[in-house]
Amino acid sequence: MSHTTTDEPVRRASGATVPVLAFAGIVVAVMQTLLVPVIKDLPRLLDTTPSNATWVLTSTLLSGAVATPIMGRLGDLFGKRRMLIVSLSVMVVGALVSAFTDALVPMIVGRTLQGFAMGAIPLGIGLMRDMLPRERLGSAMALMSSSIGVGGGLALPAAALVAQHSDWHSLFYGAAGLGVLSIALTLLVVPESPLRAKGSFDLPGALGLTAGLILFLLPITKGSDWGWSSPTTLGLFAAAVVVLLLWGLMELRVAAPLVDLRTTARREVLLTNLASIMVGVSFYVISLVLPQLLQLPSETGYGLGRSMVVAGLCVAPLGLTMMFTAPVYARLSARYGPRTTLIAGLVIIGTGYAGGLGLMNAAWQTVVTSVLIGAGIGLAYSSLPALIIGAVPASETGAANGLNTLMRSIGTSVSSAVIGMVLANTANDVGGVAVPTMHGFRVSFLIATAAVAAGLALAFFLPRRSPAAVTQLRASSEEDANLARAEQALAGAGEPPHGFRGRVLAADGAPVARAKVTLIDRHGRQAGATLSAGDGSYTLAVPAGGPYVLAARATGHAPLAHAATHGGDRPVDLDLSLPGGTAVPA
């Protein structure tokens, strides 16, 4: 798999690019919790059984899990902005399908299409990685990564307000409107990334991963209804193991796989993905427990007797705190690195859940718990894309972040199933109605605390960075780290004995200062980067002879990508002319 740039002019990212991409992430994340305020009423609203009604939520989780790695890879191949618009368009169609029906099957179809939009999260992160300067990238990725929780948290009070005072179908009309607005903003503001991965889409790999994920996630989400020891549940788990093993063997033999398992098996990538599952588990527990505690009648002795809207407002700080944590993360990560920030986030989450065990007696206490856990989840979620991007080649950022988002989805699915089972098994039967107990709430918080402890153990085993690698963490990307090292080398060393050298020139022949020149090897990995000097001159060392691509870009000029071969025995003189699309031998 190789990675290159196009010769086509692209718009540079404006100051509005990050907010627009984050807004898209929030919009698609809303789909995960859109129906939480009306969960208990779905059987009546759809004229079906409670077990069938759960498919309205399950279908969204399943399609979201499947879409994230697939859309990430399609974005790497065909354009991340293009696939982002496709994801949002599918979501709008799904919202309209759900808005016009009261029947179960069309509702499930619409909800499946809405969940498909979760692929927008890794696509947005990939766009930021490709276009933003390093000084903006850390906080931007943090905000995009946190948008999963921000959208879920903010959707609760908004959906509760709509559901309490209007027809529940208005939820879907509102979601469709947000999707259309996000598409329009993306078309107007967000430029397409010039970076592409070479190769073809691995359709057999996509089908195999889809089958394996459905076989795995289906019994997780339905196990409490079917019975965890039932033949159906155990059979699906066994089938998932077989299918995923066969899929893995097939991916190892494909030249351009959907998921590069060799890269995924790297220590940093593997541990980050496993930690992501634990963060996903901890995030969803509070979303399931606190709204129920707040809405239970005070006559139970522990319920807080609040309305649907008030309950949503008490949980809303969870999402708001995550959103405001993004700039804090950028500063912490720049100084200490994302590994340390992930550990700090997990410690804060654990503290929130441990303290929350004794903070369930008043509405204000639930707000305190939401703020504390939201801050921790914001730091943890923000750290994950930086850890992934720092460990994979540039050509795989979309697919790698898609897989990481999938891990979070698996975490939330596991959390939903386990906490649902705990609350059901600890509930009291009151007049034929299962009423959750305080014991069940506290057991749920203990499970979240255990998940955080497991995530901490995984995070501590992430490799520590040497002083030289701290630069990479501050840049939040492999490309910008190499650039920073190249700038340092230019300041204190002479030109390389073997490599490319020349000048970056404008169309009229004038030198272009501080143009970014990137060297990409035959495997699509970055081999070096530098900035041109005041007279337009640049020098780039090569690790070995062979074919390379030199990509140059500068403010006010179209980008340039030029293929060149280095013999490995002497410097190659090569002038790069912007924006003419040609390279001129010196």
Protein backbone atom coordinates (compact mmCIF):
# COMPACT_ATOMS: atom_id res chain seq x y z
CA MET A 1 0.00 0.00 0.00
CA SER A 2 1.48 3.34 -0.96
CA HIS A 3 0.54 6.87 -0.31
CA THR A 4 0.90 9.95 -2.44
CA THR A 5 -0.53 13.36 -3.13
CA THR A 6 -2.40 14.71 -6.11
CA ASP A 7 -1.29 17.48 -8.41
CA GLU A 8 -4.71 19.13 -8.21
CA PRO A 9 -5.02 22.47 -6.41
CA VAL A 10 -6.79 22.29 -3.05
CA ARG A 11 -8.20 24.90 -0.73
CA ARG A 12 -6.24 25.29 2.46
CA ALA A 13 -8.02 24.60 5.72
CA SER A 14 -9.64 27.74 7.10
CA GLY A 15 -10.30 28.63 10.71
CA ALA A 16 -13.83 27.26 10.35
CA THR A 17 -12.71 23.80 9.23
CA VAL A 18 -12.24 22.37 12.72
CA PRO A 19 -15.59 23.59 14.13
CA VAL A 20 -17.43 22.29 11.05
CA LEU A 21 -15.80 18.86 11.28
CA ALA A 22 -16.46 18.71 15.03
CA PHE A 23 -20.08 19.68 14.39
CA ALA A 24 -20.37 16.79 11.92
CA GLY A 25 -19.01 14.44 14.59
CA ILE A 26 -21.50 15.73 17.15
CA VAL A 27 -24.39 15.34 14.69
CA VAL A 28 -23.66 11.68 13.93
CA ALA A 29 -22.99 10.91 17.61
CA VAL A 30 -26.45 12.24 18.46
CA MET A 31 -27.86 9.14 16.75
CA GLN A 32 -26.50 6.93 19.54
CA THR A 33 -28.62 8.51 22.32
CA LEU A 34 -31.42 10.12 20.31
CA LEU A 35 -34.06 7.66 21.53
CA VAL A 36 -32.83 7.16 25.11
CA PRO A 37 -35.60 9.40 26.55
CA VAL A 38 -38.32 7.27 24.90
CA ILE A 39 -36.78 3.80 25.30
CA LYS A 40 -39.43 2.64 27.75
CA ASP A 41 -42.23 3.80 25.41
CA LEU A 42 -40.93 2.21 22.19
CA PRO A 43 -43.00 -1.03 22.46
CA ARG A 44 -46.19 1.05 22.68
CA LEU A 45 -45.13 3.55 20.02
CA LEU A 46 -44.20 0.81 17.54
CA ASP A 47 -46.91 -1.64 18.58
CA THR A 48 -44.44 -4.44 19.24
CA THR A 49 -42.90 -6.45 22.05
CA PRO A 50 -40.12 -5.04 24.29
CA SER A 51 -37.59 -7.53 22.90
CA ASN A 52 -38.35 -6.49 19.32
CA ALA A 53 -38.22 -2.81 20.23
CA THR A 54 -34.63 -3.15 21.41
CA TRP A 55 -33.63 -3.73 17.78
CA VAL A 56 -34.25 -0.03 17.18
CA LEU A 57 -31.18 0.68 19.34
CA THR A 58 -29.22 -2.48 18.52
CA SER A 59 -29.34 -1.84 14.76
CA THR A 60 -27.70 1.56 15.19
CA LEU A 61 -24.87 0.15 17.29
CA LEU A 62 -24.21 -2.66 14.81
CA SER A 63 -24.19 -0.49 11.68
CA GLY A 64 -22.01 2.12 13.38
CA ALA A 65 -19.47 -0.52 14.36
CA VAL A 66 -19.35 -1.91 10.83
CA ALA A 67 -19.16 1.48 9.12
CA THR A 68 -16.22 2.99 10.99
CA PRO A 69 -13.31 0.94 9.59
CA ILE A 70 -14.89 0.61 6.14
CA MET A 71 -15.53 4.32 5.68
CA GLY A 72 -12.06 5.09 7.03
CA ARG A 73 -10.46 2.95 4.34
CA LEU A 74 -12.72 4.33 1.59
CA GLY A 75 -11.71 7.81 2.70
CA ASP A 76 -8.02 6.93 2.41
CA LEU A 77 -8.62 5.67 -1.13
CA PHE A 78 -11.17 8.08 -2.63
CA GLY A 79 -11.14 11.21 -0.48
CA LYS A 80 -12.07 11.73 3.14
CA ARG A 81 -14.30 14.77 2.53
CA ARG A 82 -16.19 12.88 -0.16
CA MET A 83 -16.84 9.93 2.14
CA LEU A 84 -17.78 12.27 5.00
CA ILE A 85 -20.52 13.75 2.82
CA VAL A 86 -21.65 10.24 1.86
CA SER A 87 -21.87 9.27 5.55
CA LEU A 88 -23.92 12.34 6.43
CA SER A 89 -26.20 11.82 3.42
CA VAL A 90 -26.93 8.23 4.45
CA MET A 91 -27.75 9.48 7.95
CA VAL A 92 -30.21 12.05 6.58
CA VAL A 93 -31.97 9.39 4.51
CA GLY A 94 -32.18 7.12 7.54
CA ALA A 95 -33.60 9.89 9.71
CA LEU A 96 -36.31 10.65 7.15
CA VAL A 97 -37.20 6.96 6.84
CA SER A 98 -37.69 6.79 10.62
CA ALA A 99 -39.60 10.09 10.69
CA PHE A 100 -42.30 8.80 8.34
CA THR A 101 -43.08 5.46 9.98
CA ASP A 102 -44.69 3.90 13.04
CA ALA A 103 -43.85 0.35 11.96
CA LEU A 104 -41.00 -1.70 13.43
CA VAL A 105 -39.20 -2.91 10.29
CA PRO A 106 -38.94 0.47 8.50
CA MET A 107 -37.87 2.03 11.80
CA ILE A 108 -35.05 -0.51 12.12
CA VAL A 109 -34.00 0.17 8.52
CA GLY A 110 -33.90 3.90 9.20
CA ARG A 111 -31.95 3.46 12.43
CA THR A 112 -29.45 1.19 10.65
CA LEU A 113 -28.80 3.92 8.08
CA GLN A 114 -28.39 6.50 10.85
CA GLY A 115 -25.76 4.38 12.61
CA PHE A 116 -23.80 4.07 9.37
CA ALA A 117 -22.82 7.72 9.74
CA MET A 118 -20.45 6.92 12.63
CA GLY A 119 -17.73 6.59 10.00
CA ALA A 120 -17.65 10.40 9.98
CA ILE A 121 -15.56 10.46 13.16
CA PRO A 122 -12.39 8.81 11.76
CA LEU A 123 -12.87 10.65 8.47
CA GLY A 124 -12.87 13.99 10.27
CA ILE A 125 -9.75 13.05 12.23
CA GLY A 126 -8.05 12.01 8.99
CA LEU A 127 -8.90 15.33 7.32
CA MET A 128 -7.41 17.22 10.23
CA ARG A 129 -4.30 15.06 10.13
CA ASP A 130 -3.80 15.76 6.43
CA MET A 131 -4.38 19.51 6.36
CA LEU A 132 -3.80 21.26 9.67
CA PRO A 133 -0.48 22.67 10.87
CA ARG A 134 0.97 20.94 13.90
CA GLU A 135 0.24 23.83 16.26
CA ARG A 136 -3.51 23.33 15.66
CA LEU A 137 -3.64 19.59 15.19
CA GLY A 138 -3.56 18.43 18.82
CA SER A 139 -6.57 20.40 20.04
CA ALA A 140 -8.46 19.81 16.77
CA MET A 141 -8.15 16.02 16.96
CA ALA A 142 -9.06 16.16 20.64
CA LEU A 143 -12.28 18.01 19.85
CA MET A 144 -13.15 15.64 16.98
CA SER A 145 -12.48 12.55 19.06
CA SER A 146 -14.52 13.91 21.97
CA SER A 147 -17.43 14.72 19.68
CA ILE A 148 -18.65 11.13 20.18
CA GLY A 149 -19.30 11.85 23.83
CA VAL A 150 -20.29 15.48 23.31
CA GLY A 151 -23.03 14.56 20.84
CA GLY A 152 -24.29 11.76 23.05
CA GLY A 153 -24.33 13.96 26.14
CA LEU A 154 -26.00 16.97 24.53
CA ALA A 155 -28.61 14.82 22.77
CA LEU A 156 -30.10 13.63 26.05
CA PRO A 157 -31.62 16.93 27.29
CA ALA A 158 -32.52 18.10 23.78
CA ALA A 159 -34.24 14.81 22.91
CA ALA A 160 -35.97 14.77 26.29
CA LEU A 161 -37.34 18.27 25.74
CA VAL A 162 -38.66 17.39 22.29
CA ALA A 163 -40.09 14.04 23.37
CA GLN A 164 -41.86 15.58 26.37
CA HIS A 165 -43.50 18.46 24.50
CA SER A 166 -43.88 17.24 20.91
CA ASP A 167 -44.47 14.16 18.76
CA TRP A 168 -41.52 11.78 19.05
CA HIS A 169 -41.09 11.76 15.27
CA SER A 170 -39.82 15.33 15.62
CA LEU A 171 -36.59 13.84 16.92
CA PHE A 172 -35.88 12.42 13.47
CA TYR A 173 -36.91 15.56 11.61
CA GLY A 174 -34.48 17.48 13.80
CA ALA A 175 -31.72 14.93 13.16
CA ALA A 176 -32.29 15.16 9.40
CA GLY A 177 -32.14 18.95 9.57
CA LEU A 178 -28.85 18.84 11.47
CA GLY A 179 -27.47 16.41 8.90
CA VAL A 180 -28.42 18.68 5.98
CA LEU A 181 -26.84 21.66 7.76
CA SER A 182 -23.66 19.67 8.37
CA ILE A 183 -23.46 18.64 4.70
CA ALA A 184 -23.88 22.24 3.57
CA LEU A 185 -21.20 23.50 5.96
CA THR A 186 -18.82 20.74 4.89
CA LEU A 187 -19.28 21.57 1.22
CA LEU A 188 -18.72 25.28 1.86
CA VAL A 189 -15.86 25.18 4.35
CA VAL A 190 -13.96 21.88 4.39
CA PRO A 191 -11.42 21.28 1.59
CA GLU A 192 -10.70 17.82 0.27
CA SER A 193 -7.46 16.23 1.41
CA PRO A 194 -4.89 15.87 -1.38
CA LEU A 195 -3.58 12.64 0.14
CA ARG A 196 -4.61 9.26 -1.23
CA ALA A 197 -3.64 5.68 -0.56
CA LYS A 198 -2.93 3.61 -3.64
CA GLY A 199 -4.54 0.23 -4.11
CA SER A 200 -8.08 -1.08 -4.33
CA PHE A 201 -10.87 -1.51 -1.82
CA ASP A 202 -10.75 -4.90 -0.13
CA LEU A 203 -14.38 -5.98 -0.64
CA PRO A 204 -13.92 -9.57 0.65
CA GLY A 205 -12.19 -8.12 3.71
CA ALA A 206 -15.07 -5.69 4.28
CA LEU A 207 -17.65 -8.47 3.98
CA GLY A 208 -15.67 -10.73 6.30
CA LEU A 209 -15.24 -8.00 8.93
CA THR A 210 -18.93 -7.10 8.69
CA ALA A 211 -19.99 -10.71 9.21
CA GLY A 212 -17.60 -11.21 12.10
CA LEU A 213 -18.66 -8.00 13.86
CA ILE A 214 -22.35 -8.76 13.52
CA LEU A 215 -21.85 -12.29 14.84
CA PHE A 216 -19.88 -10.88 17.80
CA LEU A 217 -21.91 -7.79 18.67
CA LEU A 218 -25.35 -9.33 18.15
CA PRO A 219 -25.15 -11.74 21.12
CA ILE A 220 -23.54 -9.00 23.23
CA THR A 221 -26.47 -6.66 22.67
CA LYS A 222 -29.17 -9.38 22.80
CA GLY A 223 -27.63 -11.83 25.28
CA SER A 224 -29.70 -10.59 28.21
CA ASP A 225 -32.90 -11.25 26.21
CA TRP A 226 -31.87 -14.60 24.75
CA GLY A 227 -30.00 -15.85 27.82
CA TRP A 228 -26.20 -15.82 28.07
CA SER A 229 -26.00 -19.60 28.10
CA SER A 230 -28.59 -20.17 25.37
CA PRO A 231 -27.53 -22.12 22.25
CA THR A 232 -28.20 -19.05 20.08
CA THR A 233 -25.91 -16.79 22.10
CA LEU A 234 -23.09 -19.32 22.45
CA GLY A 235 -23.41 -20.38 18.82
CA LEU A 236 -23.09 -16.83 17.56
CA PHE A 237 -20.04 -16.19 19.74
CA ALA A 238 -18.40 -19.36 18.41
CA ALA A 239 -19.25 -18.41 14.82
CA ALA A 240 -17.77 -14.94 15.40
CA VAL A 241 -14.48 -16.44 16.57
CA VAL A 242 -14.27 -18.67 13.49
CA VAL A 243 -15.20 -15.94 11.01
CA LEU A 244 -12.84 -13.35 12.50
CA LEU A 245 -9.94 -15.83 12.57
CA LEU A 246 -10.51 -16.72 8.91
CA TRP A 247 -10.85 -13.03 8.09
CA GLY A 248 -7.55 -12.30 9.82
CA LEU A 249 -5.75 -15.03 7.86
CA MET A 250 -7.18 -13.65 4.63
CA GLU A 251 -6.16 -10.06 5.47
CA LEU A 252 -2.57 -11.16 6.10
CA ARG A 253 -2.41 -12.47 2.53
CA VAL A 254 -3.95 -9.46 0.77
CA ALA A 255 -1.64 -6.84 -0.76
CA ALA A 256 -3.93 -3.92 0.17
CA PRO A 257 -6.02 -5.13 3.12
CA LEU A 258 -8.95 -3.31 4.68
CA VAL A 259 -7.10 -3.42 8.01
CA ASP A 260 -3.34 -3.84 8.14
CA LEU A 261 -3.18 -6.41 10.93
CA ARG A 262 0.60 -6.23 11.12
CA THR A 263 0.34 -2.54 11.93
CA THR A 264 -2.59 -3.18 14.27
CA ALA A 265 -0.53 -5.75 16.15
CA ARG A 266 2.12 -3.18 17.04
CA ARG A 267 2.35 -2.75 20.77
CA GLU A 268 1.23 0.86 20.82
CA VAL A 269 -1.69 0.36 18.43
CA LEU A 270 -2.91 -2.84 20.10
CA LEU A 271 -2.78 -1.48 23.64
CA THR A 272 -4.42 1.79 22.58
CA ASN A 273 -7.29 -0.09 20.94
CA LEU A 274 -7.79 -2.30 23.99
CA ALA A 275 -7.75 0.74 26.26
CA SER A 276 -10.35 2.32 23.95
CA ILE A 277 -12.74 -0.53 24.70
CA MET A 278 -12.41 0.19 28.43
CA VAL A 279 -13.01 3.91 27.92
CA GLY A 280 -16.11 3.08 25.86
CA VAL A 281 -17.42 0.85 28.65
CA SER A 282 -16.92 3.58 31.27
CA PHE A 283 -18.51 6.29 29.10
CA TYR A 284 -21.79 4.45 28.55
CA VAL A 285 -22.37 3.40 32.17
CA ILE A 286 -23.12 6.92 33.39
CA SER A 287 -25.42 7.52 30.41
CA LEU A 288 -27.47 4.44 31.39
CA VAL A 289 -27.53 4.88 35.17
CA LEU A 290 -27.99 8.56 36.02
CA PRO A 291 -31.07 9.29 33.83
CA GLN A 292 -32.90 6.37 35.42
CA LEU A 293 -31.89 7.36 38.95
CA LEU A 294 -33.02 10.93 38.36
CA GLN A 295 -36.42 9.94 36.93
CA LEU A 296 -37.36 7.25 39.44
CA PRO A 297 -40.13 8.43 41.82
CA SER A 298 -38.95 9.64 45.23
CA GLU A 299 -41.41 7.16 46.77
CA THR A 300 -38.89 4.41 46.04
CA GLY A 301 -36.71 5.86 48.78
CA TYR A 302 -33.76 6.55 46.47
CA GLY A 303 -35.22 7.90 43.24
CA LEU A 304 -34.86 11.64 42.75
CA GLY A 305 -38.26 12.22 41.12
CA ARG A 306 -37.12 14.55 38.35
CA SER A 307 -38.76 15.09 34.97
CA MET A 308 -37.32 13.75 31.74
CA VAL A 309 -36.01 17.20 30.80
CA VAL A 310 -34.41 17.90 34.19
CA ALA A 311 -32.76 14.49 34.11
CA GLY A 312 -31.30 15.29 30.70
CA LEU A 313 -30.03 18.66 31.90
CA CYS A 314 -28.32 17.05 34.91
CA VAL A 315 -26.45 14.66 32.60
CA ALA A 316 -25.71 17.32 29.94
CA PRO A 317 -22.50 18.51 31.72
CA LEU A 318 -21.00 15.17 30.71
CA GLY A 319 -20.89 16.28 27.07
CA LEU A 320 -20.20 19.94 27.75
CA THR A 321 -17.19 19.13 29.92
CA MET A 322 -15.81 16.83 27.25
CA MET A 323 -16.06 19.65 24.71
CA PHE A 324 -14.24 22.16 26.90
CA THR A 325 -11.56 19.61 27.78
CA ALA A 326 -10.14 19.57 24.22
CA PRO A 327 -7.95 22.72 24.53
CA VAL A 328 -6.78 21.56 27.97
CA TYR A 329 -5.75 18.24 26.45
CA ALA A 330 -3.74 20.01 23.73
CA ARG A 331 -1.61 21.81 26.30
CA LEU A 332 -1.12 18.76 28.49
CA SER A 333 -0.28 16.51 25.56
CA ALA A 334 2.17 19.04 24.12
CA ARG A 335 4.07 18.95 27.37
CA TYR A 336 3.70 15.38 28.57
CA GLY A 337 2.47 13.37 25.57
CA PRO A 338 -0.84 11.55 24.92
CA ARG A 339 0.18 8.49 26.97
CA THR A 340 0.35 10.58 30.13
CA THR A 341 -2.85 12.40 29.21
CA LEU A 342 -4.66 9.08 28.70
CA ILE A 343 -3.51 7.89 32.12
CA ALA A 344 -4.62 11.17 33.73
CA GLY A 345 -8.03 10.90 32.05
CA LEU A 346 -8.54 7.35 33.28
CA VAL A 347 -7.57 8.34 36.82
CA ILE A 348 -10.16 11.14 36.74
CA ILE A 349 -12.85 8.79 35.40
CA GLY A 350 -12.09 6.27 38.14
CA THR A 351 -12.25 9.00 40.77
CA GLY A 352 -15.61 10.14 39.40
CA TYR A 353 -17.15 6.69 39.54
CA ALA A 354 -15.67 5.87 42.95
CA GLY A 355 -16.94 9.17 44.35
CA GLY A 356 -20.25 8.71 42.55
CA LEU A 357 -20.98 5.64 44.67
CA GLY A 358 -21.76 8.04 47.50
CA LEU A 359 -23.14 10.91 45.38
CA MET A 360 -26.57 9.59 44.42
CA ASN A 361 -28.78 11.37 46.95
CA ALA A 362 -29.48 14.68 45.20
CA ALA A 363 -29.66 16.08 41.68
CA TRP A 364 -26.70 18.41 42.27
CA GLN A 365 -24.58 15.41 43.19
CA THR A 366 -25.30 13.78 39.82
CA VAL A 367 -24.17 17.01 38.14
CA VAL A 368 -20.86 16.88 40.03
CA THR A 369 -20.39 13.26 38.98
CA SER A 370 -21.19 14.12 35.35
CA VAL A 371 -18.68 16.98 35.29
CA LEU A 372 -15.89 14.90 36.80
CA ILE A 373 -16.42 11.85 34.60
CA GLY A 374 -16.90 14.07 31.52
CA ALA A 375 -13.54 15.73 32.13
CA GLY A 376 -11.82 12.35 32.42
CA ILE A 377 -13.49 10.88 29.35
CA GLY A 378 -12.67 14.04 27.40
CA LEU A 379 -8.96 13.67 28.19
CA ALA A 380 -8.99 9.92 27.47
CA TYR A 381 -10.90 10.19 24.18
CA SER A 382 -8.70 13.09 23.05
CA SER A 383 -5.53 11.05 23.60
CA LEU A 384 -6.55 8.09 21.47
CA PRO A 385 -6.21 9.49 17.91
CA ALA A 386 -2.80 11.03 18.71
CA LEU A 387 -1.55 7.67 19.97
CA ILE A 388 -2.86 5.91 16.85
CA ILE A 389 -1.57 8.49 14.37
CA GLY A 390 1.86 8.46 15.98
CA ALA A 391 2.12 4.71 15.42
CA VAL A 392 0.82 4.17 11.85
CA PRO A 393 1.89 5.37 8.38
CA ALA A 394 0.14 8.42 6.98
CA SER A 395 -1.61 6.29 4.34
CA GLU A 396 -3.43 4.32 7.02
CA THR A 397 -4.69 7.06 9.33
CA GLY A 398 -8.31 6.84 8.14
CA ALA A 399 -8.56 3.07 8.48
CA ALA A 400 -6.58 3.01 11.74
CA ASN A 401 -8.76 5.66 13.36
CA GLY A 402 -11.82 3.87 12.02
CA LEU A 403 -10.69 0.71 13.79
CA ASN A 404 -10.05 2.68 16.98
CA THR A 405 -13.54 4.18 16.81
CA LEU A 406 -14.83 0.63 16.33
CA MET A 407 -13.12 -0.39 19.57
CA ARG A 408 -14.96 2.36 21.40
CA SER A 409 -18.23 1.18 19.84
CA ILE A 410 -17.52 -2.34 21.05
CA GLY A 411 -16.94 -0.90 24.51
CA THR A 412 -20.29 0.89 24.53
CA SER A 413 -22.05 -2.22 23.19
CA VAL A 414 -20.52 -4.39 25.93
CA SER A 415 -21.43 -1.75 28.50
CA SER A 416 -25.03 -1.58 27.29
CA ALA A 417 -25.42 -5.36 27.48
CA VAL A 418 -23.69 -5.87 30.84
CA ILE A 419 -25.29 -2.92 32.64
CA GLY A 420 -28.70 -3.80 31.20
CA MET A 421 -28.31 -7.32 32.57
CA VAL A 422 -27.16 -6.03 35.99
CA LEU A 423 -30.03 -3.59 36.33
CA ALA A 424 -32.56 -6.22 35.22
CA ASN A 425 -31.27 -8.90 37.61
CA THR A 426 -31.18 -6.52 40.59
CA ALA A 427 -34.56 -4.86 39.91
CA ASN A 428 -37.58 -5.13 42.19
CA ASP A 429 -40.90 -6.29 40.77
CA VAL A 430 -43.54 -3.70 41.65
CA GLY A 431 -46.97 -4.51 40.25
CA GLY A 432 -45.44 -6.35 37.33
CA VAL A 433 -43.00 -3.51 36.58
CA ALA A 434 -39.24 -4.00 37.01
CA VAL A 435 -37.90 -1.05 39.04
CA PRO A 436 -34.10 -0.61 39.13
CA THR A 437 -32.57 -0.58 42.61
CA MET A 438 -29.85 1.48 44.23
CA HIS A 439 -27.87 -1.75 44.59
CA GLY A 440 -27.98 -2.19 40.80
CA PHE A 441 -26.84 1.39 40.23
CA ARG A 442 -23.88 0.97 42.56
CA VAL A 443 -22.87 -2.36 41.03
CA SER A 444 -22.93 -0.64 37.63
CA PHE A 445 -20.60 2.08 38.91
CA LEU A 446 -18.28 -0.60 40.32
CA ILE A 447 -18.17 -2.30 36.91
CA ALA A 448 -17.21 1.03 35.32
CA THR A 449 -14.50 1.48 37.94
CA ALA A 450 -13.14 -1.99 37.15
CA ALA A 451 -13.11 -1.17 33.42
CA VAL A 452 -11.14 2.01 34.16
CA ALA A 453 -8.65 0.02 36.24
CA ALA A 454 -8.14 -2.37 33.32
CA GLY A 455 -7.67 0.59 30.97
CA LEU A 456 -5.08 2.07 33.33
CA ALA A 457 -3.12 -1.18 33.36
CA LEU A 458 -3.08 -1.21 29.56
CA ALA A 459 -2.08 2.46 29.38
CA PHE A 460 0.88 1.94 31.70
CA PHE A 461 2.22 -0.68 29.28
CA LEU A 462 2.17 1.76 26.36
CA PRO A 463 5.78 2.50 25.36
CA ARG A 464 7.36 5.53 26.93
CA ARG A 465 8.71 8.13 24.53
CA SER A 466 12.35 9.08 24.35
CA PRO A 467 13.20 12.82 24.33
CA ALA A 468 13.53 12.69 20.54
CA ALA A 469 10.03 11.26 20.25
CA VAL A 470 8.48 13.96 22.40
CA THR A 471 8.68 16.20 19.34
CA GLN A 472 6.48 13.75 17.49
CA LEU A 473 3.91 13.74 20.25
CA ARG A 474 3.80 17.50 20.32
CA ALA A 475 3.27 17.55 16.58
CA SER A 476 0.57 14.87 16.94
CA SER A 477 1.58 13.31 13.65
CA GLU A 478 4.46 11.46 12.07
CA GLU A 479 4.73 13.99 9.25
CA ASP A 480 5.02 17.06 11.46
CA ALA A 481 7.44 15.31 13.79
CA ASN A 482 9.78 14.66 10.89
CA LEU A 483 9.39 18.27 9.82
CA ALA A 484 10.32 19.53 13.28
CA ARG A 485 13.41 17.32 13.33
CA ALA A 486 14.35 18.53 9.85
CA GLU A 487 14.07 22.17 10.94
CA GLN A 488 16.40 21.45 13.84
CA ALA A 489 18.84 19.74 11.50
CA LEU A 490 18.83 22.69 9.10
CA ALA A 491 19.58 25.04 11.97
CA GLY A 492 22.60 23.15 13.23
CA ALA A 493 23.98 20.91 10.51
CA GLY A 494 25.17 21.02 6.96
CA GLU A 495 23.42 19.54 3.97
CA PRO A 496 23.17 15.74 3.73
CA PRO A 497 25.87 13.99 1.71
CA HIS A 498 23.32 11.84 -0.09
CA GLY A 499 19.81 13.02 -0.85
CA PHE A 500 17.79 15.57 -2.80
CA ARG A 501 18.59 19.26 -2.87
CA GLY A 502 17.43 22.24 -4.85
CA ARG A 503 15.07 25.19 -4.63
CA VAL A 504 11.32 25.65 -4.35
CA LEU A 505 10.22 28.23 -6.93
CA ALA A 506 6.99 30.02 -7.78
CA ALA A 507 5.56 30.03 -11.30
CA ASP A 508 7.43 33.23 -12.09
CA GLY A 509 10.73 31.78 -10.89
CA ALA A 510 10.78 33.62 -7.56
CA PRO A 511 12.01 31.58 -4.58
CA VAL A 512 9.38 30.31 -2.14
CA ALA A 513 10.46 30.51 1.51
CA ARG A 514 9.14 28.13 4.19
CA ALA A 515 7.58 25.79 1.68
CA LYS A 516 7.03 22.34 3.14
CA VAL A 517 8.83 19.58 1.23
CA THR A 518 8.00 15.99 2.19
CA LEU A 519 9.83 12.86 1.07
CA ILE A 520 7.68 9.71 0.68
CA ASP A 521 9.22 6.29 0.06
CA ARG A 522 7.97 3.42 -2.08
CA HIS A 523 5.88 2.02 0.82
CA GLY A 524 3.95 5.25 1.26
CA ARG A 525 5.80 6.10 4.47
CA GLN A 526 7.35 9.44 5.10
CA ALA A 527 11.14 9.35 4.89
CA GLY A 528 11.80 12.99 5.71
CA ALA A 529 10.47 16.55 5.64
CA THR A 530 11.87 20.06 5.72
CA LEU A 531 11.09 23.73 5.15
CA SER A 532 12.71 25.71 2.36
CA ALA A 533 15.06 28.51 3.39
CA GLY A 534 14.68 32.21 2.59
CA ASP A 535 16.19 31.70 -0.87
CA GLY A 536 13.90 28.72 -1.53
CA SER A 537 16.65 26.14 -1.05
CA TYR A 538 15.96 22.79 0.59
CA THR A 539 17.92 19.62 1.37
CA LEU A 540 16.56 16.19 2.21
CA ALA A 541 18.61 13.13 3.12
CA VAL A 542 17.50 9.71 1.87
CA PRO A 543 17.88 6.50 3.90
CA ALA A 544 18.67 4.46 0.78
CA GLY A 545 18.59 4.63 -2.98
CA GLY A 546 15.34 4.01 -4.82
CA PRO A 547 12.12 5.67 -6.00
CA TYR A 548 10.62 8.49 -3.95
CA VAL A 549 7.87 11.09 -4.18
CA LEU A 550 8.68 14.70 -3.25
CA ALA A 551 5.55 16.59 -2.21
CA ALA A 552 5.80 20.37 -1.83
CA ARG A 553 3.22 22.85 -0.62
CA ALA A 554 3.17 26.48 0.48
CA THR A 555 0.59 29.07 1.39
CA GLY A 556 -0.91 30.66 -1.71
CA HIS A 557 0.34 27.94 -4.06
CA ALA A 558 -1.13 24.72 -5.37
CA PRO A 559 0.56 21.56 -4.03
CA LEU A 560 3.04 19.58 -6.11
CA ALA A 561 3.90 15.89 -6.10
CA HIS A 562 6.87 14.67 -8.16
CA ALA A 563 8.29 11.18 -8.51
CA ALA A 564 12.10 10.95 -8.51
CA THR A 565 14.72 8.22 -8.15
CA HIS A 566 17.85 8.47 -6.06
CA GLY A 567 20.87 6.34 -6.90
CA GLY A 568 22.12 6.38 -3.34
CA ASP A 569 25.70 7.43 -4.16
CA ARG A 570 25.53 11.22 -4.63
CA PRO A 571 23.11 14.16 -4.13
CA VAL A 572 20.39 14.70 -6.73
CA ASP A 573 19.74 18.32 -7.69
CA LEU A 574 16.02 18.96 -8.19
CA ASP A 575 14.15 22.27 -8.27
CA LEU A 576 10.43 22.15 -7.47
CA SER A 577 8.24 24.65 -9.29
CA LEU A 578 4.92 25.74 -7.73
CA PRO A 579 2.21 25.63 -8.95
CA GLY A 580 3.22 24.50 -12.43
CA GLY A 581 3.08 20.77 -11.70
CA THR A 582 6.57 20.04 -12.99
CA ALA A 583 9.98 19.56 -11.41
CA VAL A 584 12.95 21.24 -13.00
CA PRO A 585 16.41 19.59 -12.85
CA ALA A 586 18.92 22.11 -11.50
